[in-house]
Every structure is written in C-alpha cells, then in structure tokens.
Protein backbone atom coordinates (compact mmCIF):
# COMPACT_ATOMS: atom_id res chain seq x y z
CA MET A 1 56.29 111.28 116.56
CA THR A 2 54.92 114.58 116.16
CA ARG A 3 51.51 114.95 114.14
CA PRO A 4 51.88 115.79 110.42
CA MET A 5 51.70 119.74 109.99
CA ARG A 6 48.71 120.95 108.02
CA LYS A 7 49.64 123.13 104.95
CA ARG A 8 47.66 125.20 102.49
CA PRO A 9 47.33 123.81 99.04
CA LEU A 10 50.08 124.46 96.74
CA THR A 11 49.94 127.34 94.24
CA ARG A 12 51.66 128.28 91.00
CA LEU A 13 52.96 131.47 92.62
CA ASP A 14 54.44 129.13 95.43
CA THR A 15 56.02 126.91 92.84
CA LEU A 16 57.60 129.94 91.02
CA GLN A 17 58.82 131.47 94.31
CA LEU A 18 60.64 128.08 95.19
CA ALA A 19 61.83 127.49 91.60
CA TRP A 20 63.55 130.73 90.71
CA PRO A 21 66.38 130.66 93.30
CA ILE A 22 67.26 127.13 91.94
CA VAL A 23 67.47 128.44 88.43
CA LEU A 24 69.81 131.08 89.31
CA ALA A 25 71.78 128.94 91.58
CA GLN A 26 72.31 126.56 88.42
CA ALA A 27 73.10 129.40 86.25
CA ALA A 28 75.86 130.62 88.77
CA THR A 29 77.46 127.23 88.68
CA ALA A 30 77.54 127.20 84.87
CA LEU A 31 78.88 130.74 84.85
CA THR A 32 81.97 129.58 86.86
CA GLY A 33 82.92 127.24 84.35
CA ILE A 34 82.89 130.05 81.82
CA VAL A 35 84.92 132.22 84.04
CA ASP A 36 87.45 129.46 84.74
CA THR A 37 87.69 128.71 80.84
CA ALA A 38 88.14 132.63 80.24
CA VAL A 39 90.85 133.22 82.76
CA MET A 40 92.85 130.09 81.60
CA GLY A 41 92.26 131.20 77.96
CA MET A 42 93.53 134.72 78.45
CA THR A 43 96.72 133.67 80.50
CA GLY A 44 97.57 130.35 79.38
CA LEU A 45 98.42 128.27 76.37
CA ALA A 46 96.48 125.65 74.50
CA ALA A 47 98.05 123.02 76.56
CA ASP A 48 96.81 124.79 79.79
CA LEU A 49 93.29 124.76 78.50
CA ALA A 50 93.46 121.14 77.44
CA ALA A 51 94.57 120.17 81.01
CA VAL A 52 91.81 122.02 82.71
CA GLY A 53 89.21 120.54 80.30
CA LEU A 54 90.35 117.02 80.75
CA ALA A 55 90.65 117.06 84.53
CA ALA A 56 87.42 119.22 85.03
CA VAL A 57 85.56 116.61 83.03
CA THR A 58 86.97 113.72 85.27
CA PHE A 59 85.86 115.62 88.31
CA SER A 60 82.51 116.54 86.88
CA PHE A 61 81.88 112.78 85.95
CA VAL A 62 82.96 111.44 89.53
CA TYR A 63 81.00 114.16 91.28
CA TRP A 64 77.76 113.55 89.34
CA GLY A 65 78.06 109.86 90.05
CA PHE A 66 77.72 110.81 93.70
CA GLY A 67 74.60 113.07 92.96
CA PHE A 68 72.58 110.52 94.94
CA LEU A 69 73.60 112.33 98.13
CA ARG A 70 71.85 115.41 97.18
CA MET A 71 68.72 113.56 95.80
CA SER A 72 68.31 111.11 98.80
CA THR A 73 68.64 113.87 101.28
CA THR A 74 65.96 116.04 99.58
CA GLY A 75 63.55 113.09 99.75
CA LEU A 76 64.19 111.76 103.18
CA THR A 77 64.15 115.34 104.62
CA ALA A 78 60.99 116.39 102.74
CA GLN A 79 59.23 113.31 103.98
CA ALA A 80 60.26 113.96 107.57
CA GLU A 81 58.97 117.74 107.39
CA GLY A 82 55.83 116.30 105.73
CA ALA A 83 55.36 114.08 108.81
CA GLY A 84 55.99 116.98 111.12
CA ASP A 85 58.95 115.00 112.56
CA THR A 86 61.61 117.71 112.81
CA LYS A 87 64.02 115.69 115.01
CA GLU A 88 64.19 113.11 111.98
CA ALA A 89 64.77 115.92 109.51
CA ARG A 90 67.54 117.07 111.65
CA ALA A 91 68.98 113.29 111.76
CA THR A 92 68.70 113.14 108.10
CA LEU A 93 71.03 115.92 107.70
CA VAL A 94 73.74 114.51 109.97
CA ARG A 95 73.46 111.01 108.70
CA ALA A 96 74.04 112.26 105.28
CA LEU A 97 76.77 114.61 106.17
CA MET A 98 78.57 111.81 107.74
CA LEU A 99 78.26 109.58 104.82
CA ALA A 100 79.32 112.06 102.48
CA GLY A 101 82.33 113.05 104.38
CA GLY A 102 83.38 109.45 104.41
CA LEU A 103 82.87 109.03 100.81
CA GLY A 104 84.93 112.13 100.28
CA LEU A 105 87.78 110.78 102.10
CA ALA A 106 87.45 107.63 100.12
CA ILE A 107 87.72 109.73 96.89
CA MET A 108 91.00 111.22 98.26
CA ALA A 109 92.44 107.99 98.91
CA ALA A 110 91.54 106.79 95.39
CA TYR A 111 93.04 110.03 93.86
CA PRO A 112 95.87 108.05 92.12
CA LEU A 113 93.71 105.39 90.63
CA ILE A 114 91.14 108.20 89.40
CA GLU A 115 93.97 110.30 87.91
CA TRP A 116 95.56 107.13 86.12
CA ILE A 117 92.01 106.06 84.74
CA SER A 118 91.40 109.51 83.51
CA LEU A 119 94.87 110.11 81.74
CA SER A 120 94.78 106.75 80.32
CA ALA A 121 91.39 107.30 78.82
CA PHE A 122 92.17 110.51 77.32
CA ARG A 123 95.66 109.71 76.28
CA ALA A 124 96.73 113.31 75.99
CA GLU A 125 100.16 114.82 75.27
CA ALA A 126 102.82 114.44 77.88
CA GLU A 127 102.74 118.35 78.64
CA VAL A 128 98.81 118.29 78.90
CA GLU A 129 99.05 115.20 81.31
CA SER A 130 101.54 116.87 83.49
CA LEU A 131 99.66 119.89 83.79
CA ALA A 132 96.42 118.09 84.49
CA ALA A 133 98.02 116.05 87.19
CA GLY A 134 98.82 119.41 88.90
CA TYR A 135 95.00 120.21 88.59
CA PHE A 136 94.01 116.90 90.08
CA PHE A 137 96.43 117.15 93.09
CA ALA A 138 95.04 120.66 93.99
CA ARG A 139 91.49 119.79 93.39
CA ILE A 140 91.25 116.34 95.11
CA TRP A 141 91.66 118.05 98.66
CA GLY A 142 88.10 119.45 98.17
CA ALA A 143 86.35 116.15 97.59
CA PRO A 144 84.89 115.90 101.40
CA ALA A 145 83.64 119.41 101.19
CA ALA A 146 82.20 118.90 97.61
CA LEU A 147 80.24 115.81 98.79
CA MET A 148 79.05 117.44 101.99
CA GLY A 149 77.94 120.40 99.83
CA PHE A 150 75.88 118.09 97.99
CA VAL A 151 73.89 117.16 101.24
CA ILE A 152 73.60 120.88 102.35
CA THR A 153 71.97 121.50 98.84
CA GLY A 154 69.61 118.54 99.28
CA TRP A 155 68.64 119.51 102.72
CA LEU A 156 68.01 123.12 101.90
CA ILE A 157 65.63 121.96 99.06
CA GLY A 158 63.99 119.71 101.34
CA THR A 159 63.22 122.15 103.68
CA GLY A 160 62.11 124.69 101.05
CA ARG A 161 65.09 126.96 101.66
CA THR A 162 65.81 127.72 98.06
CA ARG A 163 66.85 131.32 98.69
CA ALA A 164 69.43 130.00 101.13
CA LEU A 165 70.53 127.69 98.47
CA LEU A 166 71.15 130.48 95.91
CA ALA A 167 73.14 132.26 98.58
CA PHE A 168 75.19 128.88 99.19
CA GLN A 169 75.71 128.56 95.21
CA LEU A 170 76.76 132.25 95.11
CA VAL A 171 79.38 131.86 97.74
CA LEU A 172 80.82 128.62 96.17
CA ASN A 173 81.10 129.99 92.66
CA GLY A 174 81.89 133.54 93.71
CA VAL A 175 84.91 132.54 95.88
CA ASN A 176 85.84 130.22 93.06
CA ALA A 177 85.75 132.60 90.38
CA GLY A 178 87.90 134.99 92.71
CA LEU A 179 90.52 132.73 93.70
CA ASP A 180 90.89 131.30 90.16
CA THR A 181 91.52 134.71 88.78
CA TRP A 182 93.94 135.44 91.76
CA PHE A 183 95.86 132.10 91.50
CA VAL A 184 96.11 132.18 87.75
CA ALA A 185 96.04 135.59 86.58
CA GLY A 186 97.96 137.06 89.54
CA LEU A 187 100.26 134.22 90.68
CA GLY A 188 100.75 132.28 87.37
CA TRP A 189 99.85 128.86 88.85
CA GLY A 190 98.15 127.60 85.64
CA PRO A 191 95.81 124.72 85.73
CA ALA A 192 96.86 123.65 89.38
CA GLY A 193 95.61 127.20 90.42
CA ILE A 194 92.40 126.47 88.85
CA GLY A 195 92.21 123.22 90.92
CA ALA A 196 93.32 124.86 94.24
CA GLY A 197 90.94 127.71 93.80
CA THR A 198 87.94 125.33 93.30
CA ALA A 199 88.98 123.17 96.23
CA LEU A 200 89.10 126.18 98.67
CA ALA A 201 85.86 127.45 97.28
CA GLU A 202 84.05 124.14 98.18
CA TRP A 203 85.51 124.44 101.75
CA ALA A 204 84.36 127.87 102.04
CA ALA A 205 80.92 127.24 100.77
CA LEU A 206 80.77 124.14 103.00
CA GLY A 207 81.46 126.41 106.05
CA PHE A 208 78.83 128.91 104.82
CA GLY A 209 76.23 126.08 104.29
CA LEU A 210 76.86 124.54 107.74
CA MET A 211 76.13 127.92 109.13
CA VAL A 212 72.99 128.32 106.89
CA ALA A 213 71.81 124.92 108.29
CA ARG A 214 72.78 125.32 111.86
CA ASP A 215 69.21 124.80 113.08
CA GLY A 216 69.61 121.21 111.66
CA PHE A 217 72.18 120.49 114.42
CA GLY A 218 69.77 120.55 117.37
CA PRO A 219 68.54 117.77 119.25
CA ARG A 220 68.29 114.57 117.04
CA ALA A 221 66.37 111.53 117.39
CA ARG A 222 67.60 107.90 116.19
CA LEU A 223 70.74 109.23 114.60
CA LEU A 224 72.31 105.83 114.44
CA ASP A 225 68.92 103.92 114.18
CA PRO A 226 69.60 100.76 112.23
CA ALA A 227 66.38 100.99 110.23
CA ARG A 228 66.82 104.72 109.33
CA LEU A 229 70.54 104.01 108.36
CA ALA A 230 69.31 101.03 106.27
CA ALA A 231 66.65 103.35 104.63
CA LEU A 232 69.47 105.97 103.75
CA PHE A 233 71.83 103.44 102.36
CA SER A 234 69.04 101.68 100.20
CA ALA A 235 67.89 105.03 98.76
CA ASN A 236 71.26 106.07 97.87
CA ARG A 237 72.34 102.76 96.29
CA ASP A 238 69.33 102.81 93.93
CA ILE A 239 69.49 106.46 92.92
CA MET A 240 73.21 105.82 92.39
CA ILE A 241 72.38 103.07 89.97
CA ARG A 242 69.89 105.35 88.13
CA THR A 243 72.50 108.18 88.03
CA LEU A 244 75.00 105.83 86.48
CA ALA A 245 72.57 104.48 83.98
CA LEU A 246 71.70 108.04 82.87
CA LEU A 247 75.44 109.03 82.57
CA PHE A 248 75.91 106.03 80.36
CA CYS A 249 73.03 107.21 78.15
CA PHE A 250 74.62 110.59 77.75
CA ALA A 251 78.06 109.07 77.04
CA TRP A 252 76.51 106.60 74.43
CA PHE A 253 74.99 109.62 72.76
CA VAL A 254 78.27 111.37 72.52
CA ASN A 255 79.91 108.31 71.32
CA SER A 256 77.31 107.57 68.73
CA GLY A 257 77.92 111.23 67.11
CA ALA A 258 81.54 110.61 67.16
CA ARG A 259 81.37 107.55 65.18
CA LEU A 260 79.58 109.67 62.47
CA GLY A 261 82.63 112.14 62.07
CA THR A 262 84.28 115.02 63.75
CA ALA A 263 81.86 117.66 62.33
CA THR A 264 78.73 115.55 63.63
CA LEU A 265 80.33 115.27 67.28
CA ALA A 266 80.97 118.93 67.23
CA GLY A 267 77.43 119.76 66.01
CA ASN A 268 75.89 117.57 68.60
CA GLU A 269 78.00 118.92 71.48
CA VAL A 270 76.71 122.56 70.49
CA LEU A 271 73.12 121.37 70.68
CA LEU A 272 73.76 119.73 73.94
CA GLN A 273 74.42 123.12 75.51
CA PHE A 274 70.96 124.33 74.52
CA ILE A 275 69.59 121.18 76.40
CA ALA A 276 71.74 122.29 79.22
CA VAL A 277 70.38 125.68 79.32
CA SER A 278 66.77 124.51 79.29
CA ALA A 279 67.51 121.96 82.07
CA PHE A 280 68.53 124.95 84.56
CA VAL A 281 64.70 125.77 84.35
CA LEU A 282 63.26 122.62 84.03
CA ASP A 283 65.18 120.88 86.76
CA ALA A 284 63.91 123.72 88.93
CA PHE A 285 60.38 122.49 88.84
CA ALA A 286 61.55 118.90 89.32
CA PHE A 287 63.42 119.86 92.37
CA VAL A 288 60.27 121.68 93.58
CA ALA A 289 58.31 118.51 92.81
CA GLU A 290 60.88 116.54 95.00
CA LYS A 291 60.15 118.60 97.86
CA GLU A 292 56.46 118.94 97.49
CA ALA A 293 55.91 115.12 96.74
CA GLY A 294 58.11 114.08 99.66
CA GLU A 295 56.24 116.28 102.13
CA ALA A 296 52.98 115.00 100.81
CA TYR A 297 54.12 111.35 101.10
CA GLY A 298 55.66 111.84 104.59
CA ALA A 299 52.06 113.25 105.52
CA GLY A 300 50.28 110.36 103.91
CA ASP A 301 48.17 112.77 101.97
CA ARG A 302 47.20 111.54 98.51
CA GLN A 303 45.46 114.56 97.44
CA ARG A 304 48.32 116.74 98.19
CA LEU A 305 50.61 114.58 96.28
CA VAL A 306 48.58 114.54 93.24
CA ARG A 307 48.19 118.54 93.42
CA ALA A 308 51.84 118.98 93.71
CA MET A 309 52.55 116.96 90.75
CA ARG A 310 49.76 118.74 88.77
CA ILE A 311 50.87 122.24 89.57
CA THR A 312 54.53 121.67 89.36
CA SER A 313 53.98 119.77 85.80
CA GLU A 314 51.86 122.53 84.50
CA LEU A 315 54.77 125.09 84.82
CA ALA A 316 57.32 122.38 83.56
CA ALA A 317 55.25 121.77 80.47
CA ALA A 318 54.73 125.75 79.84
CA PHE A 319 58.45 126.39 80.24
CA GLY A 320 59.26 123.30 78.10
CA LEU A 321 56.90 124.67 75.16
CA VAL A 322 58.64 128.09 75.62
CA PHE A 323 62.28 126.47 75.38
CA ALA A 324 61.08 124.66 72.27
CA ALA A 325 59.94 127.89 70.59
CA LEU A 326 63.10 129.68 71.37
CA PHE A 327 65.42 126.95 70.20
CA TRP A 328 63.18 126.70 67.01
CA THR A 329 63.19 130.41 66.35
CA GLY A 330 66.20 131.63 67.94
CA GLY A 331 68.70 128.83 67.88
CA GLY A 332 69.81 129.11 64.17
CA TRP A 333 70.97 132.77 64.90
CA VAL A 334 72.98 131.74 67.92
CA ILE A 335 74.52 129.00 66.07
CA GLU A 336 75.44 131.11 63.03
CA THR A 337 76.83 133.75 65.35
CA PHE A 338 79.07 131.80 67.57
CA ILE A 339 80.09 128.77 65.74
CA ALA A 340 82.93 129.46 63.42
CA ASP A 341 83.55 125.91 61.90
CA PRO A 342 81.34 125.75 58.73
CA ALA A 343 80.97 121.91 58.98
CA ALA A 344 80.15 121.93 62.79
CA ARG A 345 77.73 124.83 62.29
CA GLN A 346 76.02 123.08 59.60
CA ALA A 347 75.65 119.99 61.53
CA ALA A 348 74.21 121.87 64.39
CA LEU A 349 71.61 123.72 62.35
CA ASP A 350 70.57 120.60 60.45
CA PHE A 351 69.53 118.80 63.70
CA LEU A 352 68.24 121.76 65.68
CA PRO A 353 64.72 120.83 65.28
CA TYR A 354 65.37 117.70 67.24
CA CYS A 355 67.13 119.70 69.89
CA ALA A 356 64.10 121.83 70.10
CA ALA A 357 61.89 118.95 70.79
CA VAL A 358 63.88 117.81 73.85
CA PRO A 359 62.27 120.32 76.29
CA LEU A 360 59.03 119.60 74.78
CA ILE A 361 59.45 116.00 75.42
CA GLY A 362 61.75 115.78 78.39
CA TRP A 363 59.66 117.56 80.98
CA VAL A 364 57.76 114.57 81.63
CA ALA A 365 60.78 112.49 82.78
CA PHE A 366 62.26 115.32 84.84
CA GLN A 367 58.86 115.59 86.65
CA LEU A 368 58.50 112.11 87.37
CA ASP A 369 62.43 111.87 88.50
CA GLY A 370 61.15 114.48 90.98
CA LEU A 371 58.12 112.62 92.14
CA PHE A 372 59.90 109.19 92.75
CA LEU A 373 63.28 110.86 94.08
CA GLY A 374 61.03 113.08 96.62
CA THR A 375 59.17 110.00 97.76
CA THR A 376 62.47 107.74 97.71
CA GLN A 377 60.82 105.01 95.63
CA GLY A 378 64.34 103.29 95.18
CA PRO A 379 63.25 100.23 93.28
CA ALA A 380 61.18 102.21 90.85
CA ILE A 381 64.07 104.78 90.20
CA ARG A 382 66.43 101.97 89.73
CA ASN A 383 64.46 99.88 87.52
CA ALA A 384 63.08 102.69 85.17
CA GLY A 385 66.57 103.93 84.96
CA VAL A 386 68.15 100.65 83.90
CA LEU A 387 65.31 99.77 81.59
CA ALA A 388 65.25 103.22 79.83
CA MET A 389 69.09 102.85 79.37
CA LEU A 390 68.66 99.47 77.61
CA ALA A 391 65.67 100.51 75.55
CA TYR A 392 67.72 103.69 74.33
CA VAL A 393 70.83 101.80 73.48
CA GLY A 394 68.68 99.29 71.26
CA THR A 395 66.75 102.14 69.83
CA ASP A 396 70.05 103.84 68.74
CA LEU A 397 71.60 100.54 67.53
CA ALA A 398 68.51 99.97 65.35
CA LEU A 399 68.31 103.56 63.82
CA ARG A 400 71.79 104.90 63.41
CA PRO A 401 73.08 102.42 60.90
CA VAL A 402 70.12 103.26 58.75
CA TYR A 403 69.44 106.91 59.46
CA GLY A 404 72.80 108.32 60.56
CA ASN A 405 72.87 111.37 62.96
CA ALA A 406 68.99 111.65 62.48
CA GLY A 407 68.80 108.05 63.91
CA VAL A 408 71.07 109.19 66.81
CA TRP A 409 68.90 112.20 67.67
CA THR A 410 65.54 110.14 67.28
CA ALA A 411 66.98 107.51 69.87
CA PHE A 412 68.16 110.35 72.13
CA LEU A 413 64.49 111.55 72.15
CA ALA A 414 63.13 108.27 72.68
CA MET A 415 65.24 107.84 75.76
CA TYR A 416 63.39 110.61 77.26
CA ALA A 417 60.17 108.93 76.44
CA TRP A 418 61.36 105.76 77.63
CA ARG A 419 62.08 107.16 80.99
CA GLY A 420 58.62 108.62 81.30
CA VAL A 421 57.08 105.51 80.51
CA PHE A 422 59.11 103.33 82.56
CA LEU A 423 58.46 105.62 85.64
CA GLY A 424 54.91 106.29 84.82
CA VAL A 425 54.17 102.45 85.37
CA TYR A 426 54.99 103.09 88.97
CA TRP A 427 52.47 105.89 89.50
CA PRO A 428 49.24 104.21 90.29
CA GLY A 429 51.12 102.03 93.05
CA LEU A 430 52.80 105.01 94.61
CA ILE A 431 49.26 106.74 94.75
CA ARG A 432 47.81 103.65 96.43
CA ARG A 433 50.48 103.42 98.97
CA THR A 434 50.29 107.19 99.81
CA ALA A 435 46.39 106.76 100.47
CA ALA A 436 46.70 103.70 102.59
CA MET A 437 49.24 105.89 104.78
CA SER A 438 46.41 108.39 105.66
C-alpha cells in the first residue's frame, strides 16, 4: 500500500471552497422540480399535475432509499485517498458502479410492483392513475443511470472534486429541464414526456459523469477482493437501514400533521420547504465533513479528524444561526405573500418559530452524520438511526394528544436532538480507534 499522503491543515476557506459548489448543485436539483411543475402547469390540466406529483413522489422515495450508494462511496473513497491508496480509490468507484447498475436493473424488473404499490397507496382517480402510469413507464428506464449517478456523486465528493459535481448536476438538471419542456410543451406528451425527459437526462448525466471520473478507471487493485466487497455491502446495508429510519421519521411527521386536519397538514408542508432550503447549505458542510473525516480516518490521523470536525462544524453552526434568524424575521413575509389559503397560512405562521429552531438544532445531527458516514462506521450509523426513530415516535405519541401540533413540532425538533445524542455516544470510540491506527 502507498504511504498516506501528508496534507496541510484544513482551513475555513478550504471548507467554503468545497461547500459552495455542493450548495449550488443541490439548488439546481430543486430548481428542476420547479421547472417540471411549471411546464406541466402551463400546458396541462389538474389531472396532469396530480399524475406527475404522484409518480415523482414515488420515484423520490425509492431513490432516496438507495442514497446509501452515494454515502458509502464517499466514505470508502475518502478513506482510500487519505491512506494514499489511489488504486483502492479507483476500485471503490468500479465496485460501487457495478452494484448500482445491478440494483438499477432490479428496480426496472420490479417496475410493475412499484407502480401497483404506488397507485394502490394513493388511490387517485382513474384518469390520474392512467397518466401516472405513462410517467412510470417512461421514467423507469433511467433507473440504472440514476443509481450509478449516485455513485459518481459520492466519488466526486470523496475525491474533493465538488466543482465537477456541480457541473454534473448542471448537465443532469439542464438536460432534464430542456427535454421536459420540449416533450411536454412542444410535442404534447404530457406526464409521460416529463418521465421520458428525466430518464434521458439521467443517462446523459451518467455519460458526462463517467467522462469526468475517467481517471478512476485506470489500473485497479483487488477489484473483487472478498474482504473489500464485504466491507462495501456491510456499509451499504447499515446506511440503508439508517436511511429508511430517517424516511420513516419524516413520513411520521407528515402523518401526524394530517391527523390534526388539512390546514395543519398544509401549514406543516409549507414549513418543511423552509427546512429543505436550509438543508441545501447545512448538508454541504456535512458532505465536506464526510470527505475530510474519511481522509483523516484512512490516514489514521486523530488530530486531523478532530480538526476536520471542528472547522466544518463551526461553519455549519454559523449558517444554522443565520437560517434560524432569516426564518424568524423573514419567514412570515414569505408565508403571507405566497400562501393564499387563510387556514394554511395561519397554521404556517403559528408554528414558524418551531421551524426556525430546526437549523439551530439540526446542524449537530447533520455534522455527526457526515463524520460517521465518512468513516463508514456502519453499526453506529444503523443503531443511532433506529434508536432516534423509536425515541422520536415515542415523543410524538406522548406529546401530540396533549399539545396538538405544538407537540408534533416539539417531537420533530427532539428527533434532531435524539439523532445527535445517539451518534455522539460513539464519538469517543471513533477517536480511540483512529488514534490506534496511527
């Protein structure tokens, strides 16, 4: 194995230079959804919009469940980079692409089942279901490219090429927006055109991504080494369990609001969009923490690991405070300006302070996620995710019947705190293991 490469200490400027392309890449992804909705809204009927919304939510849920491909690739690549093992960093890319391609083909094979479950769960009108089926059939062909794109994203973050990541996302979302506009506004294909445009964009982006990552396809060591493959599957399994637990928490939050009425559900959904905007920035610092912590762990450098967490966390905390202040002072104006329904508007205004507290509290969980994902501490990630989910559900069940939506939001805030607490328990052990590796 090559000796670990020495690297100058991480600075705040380094962190910002790595983070800003990630912020823009995530913003570009969100903008595409807005473009799709706008194109469909200007050219279609309510049934078209409903069909796209129903089918797109299903794909988002399925693909989010495979987010472990991005996360494990980042951590394992960063560790190989930190250890100076460039051959293993290349092998990590190829292994993960093979796995992602296989899983993508499995999703295509399971397409009839996925469609049936989705349509059965939502129980939309017959016209909406028919239009959604067209979207499903067109979009499913992009599944292998979408999952392999997760791997490209993870590898680019793990190697610190965040500007290349931004270019990758711009290609994906630019081609998607252009094709969707052509297929829907120009050719009149409706929801099926949105699905086709997205699928083709995923393949176009994959081609661009493979070109950008072409230096990862040089000579590779131990590509099919059983121990390395076992490590890949183990990390992916544990991260998948954690991701499913987190998905369940958000689904539970939405369901809890729904139990309190339509206005409460709508108001909570509005506030979730504020949280999503803050996540564009806070997740970027967590991604940088993944890369830097992974490299430090791969190099067995305890001091570097601690510094990486301190520097990235300082900036995450600062931006968390900024977002909390922005939501508190300016969120009311946004809600009053853009939310027409009086009941939904009032529900959002009433619980805006709770929303403003999320980035103030949540950054700790985001950063610890980055730390343990980057160092691929599978059991810690899995156990903390499941325990936080159980603690959150228990908190919600205890508070919601007594305090209504205030209890729902208090439990939701506690969920972020639980995640931080349960992950934090594993921090001393990780430090000891890193020190023992040096």
